[in-house]
Amino acid sequence: MVWSRWIALALVLAAWTMASAGAATIRHDSRHAAHYRIGETFPSVGRVTVPGARASGVLIAPDWVLTAGHVVDDVDALALVYFGKHVYQASAWVTHPGWDGGLLKGRDLALIHLAEPVKDVAPSELHRGGDPRGAWSLSVGYGLTGNGRNGFHKSSLGALGITNYIDQLGANGLLMSDFDDPGRGGVGGLGSSVATAREGSIAPGDSGGGVFIRVDGERRLAGIHSFVWPRDGKFDSDYGDWYGSTSVSRHADWIDRVLASDPSSLGPGGSSVSTGLGEFRLAATSLSTVPEPGTAVGLAVTLGLWTRRLRRRCR
């Protein structure tokens, strides 16, 4: 495996700035993308925007959003989270203390604290159990869409949800799945080779979105989207590609301790404070109303700079 590819595509998954939102690459034989609109039944999954990029996040408490660590890497300006038509300003965010850009370490997590609690949306419950390997899962996020033959290439209104099996546990508990081709009996090489009815892969903009499983009949958040490994060397989330998500249960203790903290007591806006829970960045900007982000700007520059930065770290 070429580890720089894991790094590069993880960046692509976060750095997307299109005006409308959809998510995931889906089966080529699905007649309508509406077949995947099951994602809209997960209102706790929202869109996260930071300067120059858009990703995803999951509401796990009225004023806390769980996302991927690389989504807020080096962000010291305003971060916003959208749930439906409502926008919420971040007052602070903190990355996992073990997150250092190493995607295979299974610590690609961050928490965003909102300036006000989200109304009319029930937070997702965390999976706190054991090994979810072999479980049927549903992944939801806000990214580009496309199909398994052609890869991602466009946006689509609304949140899409893809189903898959958690085929393997990778290093450090990473939840790994592959995108099986329904016409070829599976080409991913991980676990089950049977394509589910809504088989798919995560795509750019899905970083920080959620992997949900059913436990005793209830939906539980088991993982946070982190990266895709393109087995064919093409960064397009097509058939055969693998994707990895950070385990939630492995880091439930850290999540609980952060949720019990009070970022407003740490210092003035615009400052950065290191604690035993990680480095908190406190938002400096306050807005009363915020419009929906506009058209894509600076995508190529953002991707280039972020990719080079992470590659330098891994040399």
C-alpha atoms as a PDB file:
ATOM      1  CA  MET A   1       0.000   0.000   0.000  1.00  0.00           C
ATOM      2  CA  VAL A   2       1.119   3.529  -0.752  1.00  0.00           C
ATOM      3  CA  TRP A   3       0.436   5.372   2.496  1.00  0.00           C
ATOM      4  CA  SER A   4       0.551   8.828   0.902  1.00  0.00           C
ATOM      5  CA  ARG A   5      -2.587   7.863  -1.011  1.00  0.00           C
ATOM      6  CA  TRP A   6      -4.454   7.248   2.228  1.00  0.00           C
ATOM      7  CA  ILE A   7      -3.352  10.669   3.401  1.00  0.00           C
ATOM      8  CA  ALA A   8      -4.160  12.502   0.181  1.00  0.00           C
ATOM      9  CA  LEU A   9      -7.673  11.143  -0.195  1.00  0.00           C
ATOM     10  CA  ALA A  10      -8.537  11.790   3.436  1.00  0.00           C
ATOM     11  CA  LEU A  11      -7.895  15.426   2.651  1.00  0.00           C
ATOM     12  CA  VAL A  12     -10.076  15.274  -0.426  1.00  0.00           C
ATOM     13  CA  LEU A  13     -12.886  13.834   1.672  1.00  0.00           C
ATOM     14  CA  ALA A  14     -12.923  16.974   3.796  1.00  0.00           C
ATOM     15  CA  ALA A  15     -12.024  19.701   1.335  1.00  0.00           C
ATOM     16  CA  TRP A  16     -15.132  20.204  -0.753  1.00  0.00           C
ATOM     17  CA  THR A  17     -16.892  23.540  -1.247  1.00  0.00           C
ATOM     18  CA  MET A  18     -19.834  22.933  -3.582  1.00  0.00           C
ATOM     19  CA  ALA A  19     -23.037  24.900  -3.037  1.00  0.00           C
ATOM     20  CA  SER A  20     -25.451  21.965  -2.854  1.00  0.00           C
ATOM     21  CA  ALA A  21     -24.948  18.766  -0.946  1.00  0.00           C
ATOM     22  CA  GLY A  22     -25.360  15.059  -1.480  1.00  0.00           C
ATOM     23  CA  ALA A  23     -23.250  12.127  -0.457  1.00  0.00           C
ATOM     24  CA  ALA A  24     -21.548   8.918  -1.489  1.00  0.00           C
ATOM     25  CA  THR A  25     -21.041   6.919  -4.653  1.00  0.00           C
ATOM     26  CA  ILE A  26     -23.832   4.416  -5.238  1.00  0.00           C
ATOM     27  CA  ARG A  27     -24.612   1.328  -7.321  1.00  0.00           C
ATOM     28  CA  HIS A  28     -24.652   1.979 -11.067  1.00  0.00           C
ATOM     29  CA  ASP A  29     -27.824  -0.099 -11.454  1.00  0.00           C
ATOM     30  CA  SER A  30     -29.929   2.043  -9.094  1.00  0.00           C
ATOM     31  CA  ARG A  31     -32.598   3.759 -11.156  1.00  0.00           C
ATOM     32  CA  HIS A  32     -32.924   6.737  -8.872  1.00  0.00           C
ATOM     33  CA  ALA A  33     -30.689   8.322  -6.255  1.00  0.00           C
ATOM     34  CA  ALA A  34     -33.891   8.676  -4.200  1.00  0.00           C
ATOM     35  CA  HIS A  35     -33.395   4.998  -3.346  1.00  0.00           C
ATOM     36  CA  TYR A  36     -30.569   6.229  -1.110  1.00  0.00           C
ATOM     37  CA  ARG A  37     -32.502   9.075   0.509  1.00  0.00           C
ATOM     38  CA  ILE A  38     -32.684   7.010   3.675  1.00  0.00           C
ATOM     39  CA  GLY A  39     -29.917   9.352   4.810  1.00  0.00           C
ATOM     40  CA  GLU A  40     -32.534  12.044   5.328  1.00  0.00           C
ATOM     41  CA  THR A  41     -33.927  10.009   8.219  1.00  0.00           C
ATOM     42  CA  PHE A  42     -30.746  10.827  10.150  1.00  0.00           C
ATOM     43  CA  PRO A  43     -31.248  14.511  11.037  1.00  0.00           C
ATOM     44  CA  SER A  44     -28.419  14.285  13.588  1.00  0.00           C
ATOM     45  CA  VAL A  45     -25.930  14.221  10.694  1.00  0.00           C
ATOM     46  CA  GLY A  46     -25.119  17.757   9.603  1.00  0.00           C
ATOM     47  CA  ARG A  47     -22.877  19.710   7.276  1.00  0.00           C
ATOM     48  CA  VAL A  48     -19.710  21.201   8.724  1.00  0.00           C
ATOM     49  CA  THR A  49     -18.102  24.186   7.021  1.00  0.00           C
ATOM     50  CA  VAL A  50     -14.690  25.634   7.796  1.00  0.00           C
ATOM     51  CA  PRO A  51     -12.766  28.192   5.717  1.00  0.00           C
ATOM     52  CA  GLY A  52     -12.249  26.717   2.274  1.00  0.00           C
ATOM     53  CA  ALA A  53     -13.835  23.332   2.947  1.00  0.00           C
ATOM     54  CA  ARG A  54     -17.008  21.443   3.728  1.00  0.00           C
ATOM     55  CA  ALA A  55     -17.345  18.139   5.537  1.00  0.00           C
ATOM     56  CA  SER A  56     -19.828  16.366   7.826  1.00  0.00           C
ATOM     57  CA  GLY A  57     -20.463  15.837  11.527  1.00  0.00           C
ATOM     58  CA  VAL A  58     -22.821  14.034  13.908  1.00  0.00           C
ATOM     59  CA  LEU A  59     -24.732  15.661  16.757  1.00  0.00           C
ATOM     60  CA  ILE A  60     -24.094  13.573  19.892  1.00  0.00           C
ATOM     61  CA  ALA A  61     -25.281  16.090  22.511  1.00  0.00           C
ATOM     62  CA  PRO A  62     -27.429  19.229  22.134  1.00  0.00           C
ATOM     63  CA  ASP A  63     -24.321  21.426  21.831  1.00  0.00           C
ATOM     64  CA  TRP A  64     -21.620  18.975  20.670  1.00  0.00           C
ATOM     65  CA  VAL A  65     -20.822  17.603  17.197  1.00  0.00           C
ATOM     66  CA  LEU A  66     -18.449  14.688  16.598  1.00  0.00           C
ATOM     67  CA  THR A  67     -16.419  14.846  13.374  1.00  0.00           C
ATOM     68  CA  ALA A  68     -13.055  13.759  11.955  1.00  0.00           C
ATOM     69  CA  GLY A  69      -9.871  15.303  13.338  1.00  0.00           C
ATOM     70  CA  HIS A  70      -8.552  16.247   9.895  1.00  0.00           C
ATOM     71  CA  VAL A  71     -11.681  18.334   9.258  1.00  0.00           C
ATOM     72  CA  VAL A  72     -10.561  20.978  11.764  1.00  0.00           C
ATOM     73  CA  ASP A  73      -6.792  20.605  11.345  1.00  0.00           C
ATOM     74  CA  ASP A  74      -5.164  24.045  11.471  1.00  0.00           C
ATOM     75  CA  VAL A  75      -8.569  25.790  11.505  1.00  0.00           C
ATOM     76  CA  ASP A  76      -8.427  28.956  13.594  1.00  0.00           C
ATOM     77  CA  ALA A  77     -11.351  30.838  12.027  1.00  0.00           C
ATOM     78  CA  LEU A  78     -15.112  30.428  12.140  1.00  0.00           C
ATOM     79  CA  ALA A  79     -16.639  26.951  11.859  1.00  0.00           C
ATOM     80  CA  LEU A  80     -20.350  26.463  11.161  1.00  0.00           C
ATOM     81  CA  VAL A  81     -22.623  23.421  11.352  1.00  0.00           C
ATOM     82  CA  TYR A  82     -25.901  23.090   9.461  1.00  0.00           C
ATOM     83  CA  PHE A  83     -28.793  20.897  10.564  1.00  0.00           C
ATOM     84  CA  GLY A  84     -31.579  21.175   8.043  1.00  0.00           C
ATOM     85  CA  LYS A  85     -32.187  24.858   7.333  1.00  0.00           C
ATOM     86  CA  HIS A  86     -30.675  25.988  10.615  1.00  0.00           C
ATOM     87  CA  VAL A  87     -27.069  27.066  11.076  1.00  0.00           C
ATOM     88  CA  TYR A  88     -25.097  26.948  14.312  1.00  0.00           C
ATOM     89  CA  GLN A  89     -21.850  28.708  15.096  1.00  0.00           C
ATOM     90  CA  ALA A  90     -19.018  26.800  16.733  1.00  0.00           C
ATOM     91  CA  SER A  91     -17.649  28.328  19.911  1.00  0.00           C
ATOM     92  CA  ALA A  92     -14.723  25.896  20.172  1.00  0.00           C
ATOM     93  CA  TRP A  93     -13.330  22.656  18.777  1.00  0.00           C
ATOM     94  CA  VAL A  94     -10.846  20.090  20.032  1.00  0.00           C
ATOM     95  CA  THR A  95      -9.050  17.218  18.306  1.00  0.00           C
ATOM     96  CA  HIS A  96      -8.286  13.893  19.935  1.00  0.00           C
ATOM     97  CA  PRO A  97      -4.979  14.222  21.851  1.00  0.00           C
ATOM     98  CA  GLY A  98      -3.629  11.225  19.915  1.00  0.00           C
ATOM     99  CA  TRP A  99      -4.452  12.640  16.479  1.00  0.00           C
ATOM    100  CA  ASP A 100      -1.242  13.558  14.650  1.00  0.00           C
ATOM    101  CA  GLY A 101      -2.261  13.086  11.019  1.00  0.00           C
ATOM    102  CA  GLY A 102      -1.703   9.323  11.092  1.00  0.00           C
ATOM    103  CA  LEU A 103      -4.896   7.925   9.611  1.00  0.00           C
ATOM    104  CA  LEU A 104      -4.057   4.320  10.407  1.00  0.00           C
ATOM    105  CA  LYS A 105      -3.751   5.031  14.121  1.00  0.00           C
ATOM    106  CA  GLY A 106      -7.534   5.164  14.490  1.00  0.00           C
ATOM    107  CA  ARG A 107      -7.646   8.534  16.295  1.00  0.00           C
ATOM    108  CA  ASP A 108      -9.012  10.772  13.551  1.00  0.00           C
ATOM    109  CA  LEU A 109     -11.614  12.455  15.778  1.00  0.00           C
ATOM    110  CA  ALA A 110     -12.605  15.954  16.843  1.00  0.00           C
ATOM    111  CA  LEU A 111     -15.446  17.519  18.784  1.00  0.00           C
ATOM    112  CA  ILE A 112     -17.066  20.847  17.929  1.00  0.00           C
ATOM    113  CA  HIS A 113     -18.821  22.811  20.659  1.00  0.00           C
ATOM    114  CA  LEU A 114     -21.765  24.922  19.475  1.00  0.00           C
ATOM    115  CA  ALA A 115     -22.491  28.404  20.782  1.00  0.00           C
ATOM    116  CA  GLU A 116     -26.119  27.379  21.309  1.00  0.00           C
ATOM    117  CA  PRO A 117     -27.830  23.988  21.538  1.00  0.00           C
ATOM    118  CA  VAL A 118     -29.509  22.466  18.508  1.00  0.00           C
ATOM    119  CA  LYS A 119     -33.282  22.469  18.731  1.00  0.00           C
ATOM    120  CA  ASP A 120     -35.690  19.826  17.428  1.00  0.00           C
ATOM    121  CA  VAL A 121     -32.957  17.292  16.575  1.00  0.00           C
ATOM    122  CA  ALA A 122     -32.302  14.285  18.788  1.00  0.00           C
ATOM    123  CA  PRO A 123     -28.579  13.551  19.255  1.00  0.00           C
ATOM    124  CA  SER A 124     -27.275  10.180  18.116  1.00  0.00           C
ATOM    125  CA  GLU A 125     -26.501   7.549  20.725  1.00  0.00           C
ATOM    126  CA  LEU A 126     -22.964   6.169  20.792  1.00  0.00           C
ATOM    127  CA  HIS A 127     -22.183   2.498  20.284  1.00  0.00           C
ATOM    128  CA  ARG A 128     -20.416   1.448  23.457  1.00  0.00           C
ATOM    129  CA  GLY A 129     -20.297  -2.273  22.858  1.00  0.00           C
ATOM    130  CA  GLY A 130     -17.728  -4.630  21.467  1.00  0.00           C
ATOM    131  CA  ASP A 131     -16.564  -5.750  18.049  1.00  0.00           C
ATOM    132  CA  PRO A 132     -19.003  -4.608  15.306  1.00  0.00           C
ATOM    133  CA  ARG A 133     -17.263  -6.722  12.646  1.00  0.00           C
ATOM    134  CA  GLY A 134     -19.773  -8.291  10.279  1.00  0.00           C
ATOM    135  CA  ALA A 135     -22.529  -5.875  11.262  1.00  0.00           C
ATOM    136  CA  TRP A 136     -24.790  -4.349   8.638  1.00  0.00           C
ATOM    137  CA  SER A 137     -24.144  -0.613   8.664  1.00  0.00           C
ATOM    138  CA  LEU A 138     -25.541   2.585   7.192  1.00  0.00           C
ATOM    139  CA  SER A 139     -23.209   5.511   6.468  1.00  0.00           C
ATOM    140  CA  VAL A 140     -24.471   9.088   6.164  1.00  0.00           C
ATOM    141  CA  GLY A 141     -22.631  12.272   5.239  1.00  0.00           C
ATOM    142  CA  TYR A 142     -22.653  15.340   2.989  1.00  0.00           C
ATOM    143  CA  GLY A 143     -20.334  14.892   0.046  1.00  0.00           C
ATOM    144  CA  LEU A 144     -20.208  14.374  -3.686  1.00  0.00           C
ATOM    145  CA  THR A 145     -22.098  11.563  -5.366  1.00  0.00           C
ATOM    146  CA  GLY A 146     -21.719   9.373  -8.429  1.00  0.00           C
ATOM    147  CA  ASN A 147     -21.736   5.635  -9.088  1.00  0.00           C
ATOM    148  CA  GLY A 148     -19.470   2.638  -8.763  1.00  0.00           C
ATOM    149  CA  ARG A 149     -18.521   2.545 -12.430  1.00  0.00           C
ATOM    150  CA  ASN A 150     -17.694   6.221 -12.935  1.00  0.00           C
ATOM    151  CA  GLY A 151     -16.812   7.361  -9.400  1.00  0.00           C
ATOM    152  CA  PHE A 152     -17.839  10.642  -7.805  1.00  0.00           C
ATOM    153  CA  HIS A 153     -18.488  13.577 -10.103  1.00  0.00           C
ATOM    154  CA  LYS A 154     -21.459  15.658  -9.008  1.00  0.00           C
ATOM    155  CA  SER A 155     -23.561  16.969  -6.134  1.00  0.00           C
ATOM    156  CA  SER A 156     -27.112  15.969  -5.287  1.00  0.00           C
ATOM    157  CA  LEU A 157     -29.651  17.704  -3.085  1.00  0.00           C
ATOM    158  CA  GLY A 158     -30.293  16.030   0.245  1.00  0.00           C
ATOM    159  CA  ALA A 159     -28.396  13.555   2.390  1.00  0.00           C
ATOM    160  CA  LEU A 160     -27.835  10.107   0.917  1.00  0.00           C
ATOM    161  CA  GLY A 161     -27.259   6.984   2.973  1.00  0.00           C
ATOM    162  CA  ILE A 162     -25.306   3.921   1.853  1.00  0.00           C
ATOM    163  CA  THR A 163     -25.455   0.448   3.339  1.00  0.00           C
ATOM    164  CA  ASN A 164     -22.552  -1.936   3.704  1.00  0.00           C
ATOM    165  CA  TYR A 165     -21.076  -4.529   6.006  1.00  0.00           C
ATOM    166  CA  ILE A 166     -18.275  -3.727   8.408  1.00  0.00           C
ATOM    167  CA  ASP A 167     -16.037  -6.279   6.744  1.00  0.00           C
ATOM    168  CA  GLN A 168     -12.960  -6.061   8.932  1.00  0.00           C
ATOM    169  CA  LEU A 169     -11.418  -4.300  11.866  1.00  0.00           C
ATOM    170  CA  GLY A 170      -8.225  -2.657  10.696  1.00  0.00           C
ATOM    171  CA  ALA A 171      -5.297  -1.449  12.766  1.00  0.00           C
ATOM    172  CA  ASN A 172      -6.344   0.231  16.021  1.00  0.00           C
ATOM    173  CA  GLY A 173      -9.975  -0.747  15.613  1.00  0.00           C
ATOM    174  CA  LEU A 174     -10.622   1.005  12.279  1.00  0.00           C
ATOM    175  CA  LEU A 175     -13.968  -0.035  10.801  1.00  0.00           C
ATOM    176  CA  MET A 176     -13.260  -1.152   7.233  1.00  0.00           C
ATOM    177  CA  SER A 177     -15.731  -1.730   4.384  1.00  0.00           C
ATOM    178  CA  ASP A 178     -15.425  -2.143   0.634  1.00  0.00           C
ATOM    179  CA  PHE A 179     -17.606  -1.124  -2.314  1.00  0.00           C
ATOM    180  CA  ASP A 180     -18.761  -4.385  -3.890  1.00  0.00           C
ATOM    181  CA  ASP A 181     -19.851  -4.482  -7.539  1.00  0.00           C
ATOM    182  CA  PRO A 182     -23.287  -6.159  -7.766  1.00  0.00           C
ATOM    183  CA  GLY A 183     -22.515  -7.323 -11.300  1.00  0.00           C
ATOM    184  CA  ARG A 184     -19.218  -9.009 -10.487  1.00  0.00           C
ATOM    185  CA  GLY A 185     -19.892 -10.762  -7.217  1.00  0.00           C
ATOM    186  CA  GLY A 186     -17.773  -8.332  -5.237  1.00  0.00           C
ATOM    187  CA  VAL A 187     -14.376  -6.927  -6.139  1.00  0.00           C
ATOM    188  CA  GLY A 188     -13.274  -5.281  -2.918  1.00  0.00           C
ATOM    189  CA  GLY A 189     -11.610  -8.269  -1.311  1.00  0.00           C
ATOM    190  CA  LEU A 190     -12.836  -7.525   2.223  1.00  0.00           C
ATOM    191  CA  GLY A 191     -15.250  -9.842   4.021  1.00  0.00           C
ATOM    192  CA  SER A 192     -18.631 -10.311   2.347  1.00  0.00           C
ATOM    193  CA  SER A 193     -18.655 -10.119  -1.453  1.00  0.00           C
ATOM    194  CA  VAL A 194     -22.419  -9.571  -1.620  1.00  0.00           C
ATOM    195  CA  ALA A 195     -23.502  -6.055  -2.571  1.00  0.00           C
ATOM    196  CA  THR A 196     -26.263  -4.715  -0.342  1.00  0.00           C
ATOM    197  CA  ALA A 197     -29.383  -3.053  -1.788  1.00  0.00           C
ATOM    198  CA  ARG A 198     -27.865   0.388  -1.121  1.00  0.00           C
ATOM    199  CA  GLU A 199     -24.194  -0.553  -1.481  1.00  0.00           C
ATOM    200  CA  GLY A 200     -21.831   2.386  -1.840  1.00  0.00           C
ATOM    201  CA  SER A 201     -18.725   4.228  -0.714  1.00  0.00           C
ATOM    202  CA  ILE A 202     -18.079   7.507   1.044  1.00  0.00           C
ATOM    203  CA  ALA A 203     -16.833  10.372  -1.146  1.00  0.00           C
ATOM    204  CA  PRO A 204     -15.463  13.948  -0.883  1.00  0.00           C
ATOM    205  CA  GLY A 205     -17.335  15.882   1.799  1.00  0.00           C
ATOM    206  CA  ASP A 206     -18.303  12.773   3.793  1.00  0.00           C
ATOM    207  CA  SER A 207     -15.408  13.058   6.275  1.00  0.00           C
ATOM    208  CA  GLY A 208     -16.836  13.319   9.772  1.00  0.00           C
ATOM    209  CA  GLY A 209     -20.099  11.650   8.810  1.00  0.00           C
ATOM    210  CA  GLY A 210     -21.407   8.659  10.705  1.00  0.00           C
ATOM    211  CA  VAL A 211     -21.443   4.868  10.452  1.00  0.00           C
ATOM    212  CA  PHE A 212     -24.582   3.576  12.158  1.00  0.00           C
ATOM    213  CA  ILE A 213     -25.439   0.044  13.246  1.00  0.00           C
ATOM    214  CA  ARG A 214     -28.475  -1.456  14.983  1.00  0.00           C
ATOM    215  CA  VAL A 215     -28.095  -2.645  18.551  1.00  0.00           C
ATOM    216  CA  ASP A 216     -31.179  -4.164  20.221  1.00  0.00           C
ATOM    217  CA  GLY A 217     -33.327  -2.516  17.580  1.00  0.00           C
ATOM    218  CA  GLU A 218     -31.848   0.950  18.144  1.00  0.00           C
ATOM    219  CA  ARG A 219     -29.545   2.951  15.874  1.00  0.00           C
ATOM    220  CA  ARG A 220     -26.114   3.539  17.340  1.00  0.00           C
ATOM    221  CA  LEU A 221     -23.190   5.617  16.057  1.00  0.00           C
ATOM    222  CA  ALA A 222     -20.323   3.145  15.627  1.00  0.00           C
ATOM    223  CA  GLY A 223     -17.817   5.121  13.550  1.00  0.00           C
ATOM    224  CA  ILE A 224     -16.778   8.451  12.027  1.00  0.00           C
ATOM    225  CA  HIS A 225     -15.730   8.539   8.356  1.00  0.00           C
ATOM    226  CA  SER A 226     -11.989   9.037   8.014  1.00  0.00           C
ATOM    227  CA  PHE A 227     -10.509   7.973   4.658  1.00  0.00           C
ATOM    228  CA  VAL A 228     -10.786   5.971   1.428  1.00  0.00           C
ATOM    229  CA  TRP A 229      -8.073   3.722   0.044  1.00  0.00           C
ATOM    230  CA  PRO A 230      -8.337   3.545  -3.783  1.00  0.00           C
ATOM    231  CA  ARG A 231      -7.177   0.052  -4.680  1.00  0.00           C
ATOM    232  CA  ASP A 232      -6.887   0.965  -8.353  1.00  0.00           C
ATOM    233  CA  GLY A 233      -4.970   4.174  -7.670  1.00  0.00           C
ATOM    234  CA  LYS A 234      -7.840   6.424  -8.777  1.00  0.00           C
ATOM    235  CA  PHE A 235      -9.291   8.762  -6.173  1.00  0.00           C
ATOM    236  CA  ASP A 236     -12.909   8.352  -7.217  1.00  0.00           C
ATOM    237  CA  SER A 237     -14.612   6.020  -4.685  1.00  0.00           C
ATOM    238  CA  ASP A 238     -15.534   3.477  -7.371  1.00  0.00           C
ATOM    239  CA  TYR A 239     -16.110  -0.273  -7.140  1.00  0.00           C
ATOM    240  CA  GLY A 240     -13.391  -2.098  -5.254  1.00  0.00           C
ATOM    241  CA  ASP A 241     -12.270   0.862  -3.127  1.00  0.00           C
ATOM    242  CA  TRP A 242     -12.098   0.515   0.645  1.00  0.00           C
ATOM    243  CA  TYR A 243     -13.088   3.089   3.233  1.00  0.00           C
ATOM    244  CA  GLY A 244     -12.196   3.357   6.889  1.00  0.00           C
ATOM    245  CA  SER A 245     -13.936   4.946   9.851  1.00  0.00           C
ATOM    246  CA  THR A 246     -12.669   5.681  13.350  1.00  0.00           C
ATOM    247  CA  SER A 247     -14.233   3.522  16.051  1.00  0.00           C
ATOM    248  CA  VAL A 248     -16.468   5.447  18.461  1.00  0.00           C
ATOM    249  CA  SER A 249     -16.562   2.825  21.219  1.00  0.00           C
ATOM    250  CA  ARG A 250     -12.752   2.820  21.495  1.00  0.00           C
ATOM    251  CA  HIS A 251     -12.805   6.525  22.329  1.00  0.00           C
ATOM    252  CA  ALA A 252     -16.070   6.796  24.264  1.00  0.00           C
ATOM    253  CA  ASP A 253     -14.242   7.738  27.480  1.00  0.00           C
ATOM    254  CA  TRP A 254     -12.494  10.697  25.800  1.00  0.00           C
ATOM    255  CA  ILE A 255     -15.768  11.781  24.194  1.00  0.00           C
ATOM    256  CA  ASP A 256     -17.588  11.662  27.544  1.00  0.00           C
ATOM    257  CA  ARG A 257     -14.899  13.720  29.271  1.00  0.00           C
ATOM    258  CA  VAL A 258     -14.933  16.385  26.558  1.00  0.00           C
ATOM    259  CA  LEU A 259     -18.733  16.613  26.683  1.00  0.00           C
ATOM    260  CA  ALA A 260     -18.483  17.213  30.426  1.00  0.00           C
ATOM    261  CA  SER A 261     -16.028  20.091  29.938  1.00  0.00           C
ATOM    262  CA  ASP A 262     -16.788  23.816  29.652  1.00  0.00           C
ATOM    263  CA  PRO A 263     -14.820  25.394  26.778  1.00  0.00           C
ATOM    264  CA  SER A 264     -16.054  28.873  27.706  1.00  0.00           C
ATOM    265  CA  SER A 265     -13.983  28.707  30.899  1.00  0.00           C
ATOM    266  CA  LEU A 266     -10.721  28.085  29.072  1.00  0.00           C
ATOM    267  CA  GLY A 267      -9.909  31.561  27.821  1.00  0.00           C
ATOM    268  CA  PRO A 268     -10.831  34.386  25.448  1.00  0.00           C
ATOM    269  CA  GLY A 269     -12.050  33.871  21.895  1.00  0.00           C
ATOM    270  CA  GLY A 270      -9.296  33.397  19.353  1.00  0.00           C
ATOM    271  CA  SER A 271      -7.007  31.578  21.751  1.00  0.00           C
ATOM    272  CA  SER A 272      -5.693  28.025  21.731  1.00  0.00           C
ATOM    273  CA  VAL A 273      -5.530  26.100  24.999  1.00  0.00           C
ATOM    274  CA  SER A 274      -3.856  22.725  25.556  1.00  0.00           C
ATOM    275  CA  THR A 275      -5.472  20.453  28.129  1.00  0.00           C
ATOM    276  CA  GLY A 276      -5.349  16.788  28.984  1.00  0.00           C
ATOM    277  CA  LEU A 277      -8.294  16.339  26.623  1.00  0.00           C
ATOM    278  CA  GLY A 278      -6.453  17.861  23.661  1.00  0.00           C
ATOM    279  CA  GLU A 279      -5.866  21.299  22.209  1.00  0.00           C
ATOM    280  CA  PHE A 280      -8.968  23.486  22.287  1.00  0.00           C
ATOM    281  CA  ARG A 281      -9.314  26.264  19.718  1.00  0.00           C
ATOM    282  CA  LEU A 282     -11.738  28.958  20.806  1.00  0.00           C
ATOM    283  CA  ALA A 283     -13.671  30.757  18.075  1.00  0.00           C
ATOM    284  CA  ALA A 284     -12.901  34.436  17.678  1.00  0.00           C
ATOM    285  CA  THR A 285     -15.806  35.473  15.453  1.00  0.00           C
ATOM    286  CA  SER A 286     -19.417  35.976  16.501  1.00  0.00           C
ATOM    287  CA  LEU A 287     -22.228  36.242  13.951  1.00  0.00           C
ATOM    288  CA  SER A 288     -25.942  36.795  14.477  1.00  0.00           C
ATOM    289  CA  THR A 289     -27.090  35.416  11.106  1.00  0.00           C
ATOM    290  CA  VAL A 290     -25.129  33.377   8.606  1.00  0.00           C
ATOM    291  CA  PRO A 291     -26.189  32.597   5.015  1.00  0.00           C
ATOM    292  CA  GLU A 292     -25.738  29.257   3.279  1.00  0.00           C
ATOM    293  CA  PRO A 293     -22.228  29.066   1.732  1.00  0.00           C
ATOM    294  CA  GLY A 294     -22.077  30.012  -1.934  1.00  0.00           C
ATOM    295  CA  THR A 295     -20.369  28.462  -4.902  1.00  0.00           C
ATOM    296  CA  ALA A 296     -17.063  26.631  -4.882  1.00  0.00           C
ATOM    297  CA  VAL A 297     -13.984  28.787  -4.453  1.00  0.00           C
ATOM    298  CA  GLY A 298     -10.359  27.920  -3.948  1.00  0.00           C
ATOM    299  CA  LEU A 299     -10.848  24.141  -4.062  1.00  0.00           C
ATOM    300  CA  ALA A 300      -7.701  23.374  -6.049  1.00  0.00           C
ATOM    301  CA  VAL A 301      -5.560  25.648  -3.892  1.00  0.00           C
ATOM    302  CA  THR A 302      -6.968  24.175  -0.687  1.00  0.00           C
ATOM    303  CA  LEU A 303      -6.411  20.594  -1.818  1.00  0.00           C
ATOM    304  CA  GLY A 304      -2.887  21.313  -2.971  1.00  0.00           C
ATOM    305  CA  LEU A 305      -1.799  23.074   0.198  1.00  0.00           C
ATOM    306  CA  TRP A 306      -3.409  20.589   2.596  1.00  0.00           C
ATOM    307  CA  THR A 307      -2.119  17.546   0.714  1.00  0.00           C
ATOM    308  CA  ARG A 308       1.451  18.874   0.652  1.00  0.00           C
ATOM    309  CA  ARG A 309       1.247  19.749   4.342  1.00  0.00           C
ATOM    310  CA  LEU A 310       0.214  16.246   5.396  1.00  0.00           C
ATOM    311  CA  ARG A 311       2.659  14.568   3.082  1.00  0.00           C
ATOM    312  CA  ARG A 312       5.463  16.549   4.673  1.00  0.00           C
ATOM    313  CA  ARG A 313       4.349  15.282   8.074  1.00  0.00           C
ATOM    314  CA  CYS A 314       4.559  11.676   6.939  1.00  0.00           C
ATOM    315  CA  ARG A 315       8.005  11.725   5.391  1.00  0.00           C
END
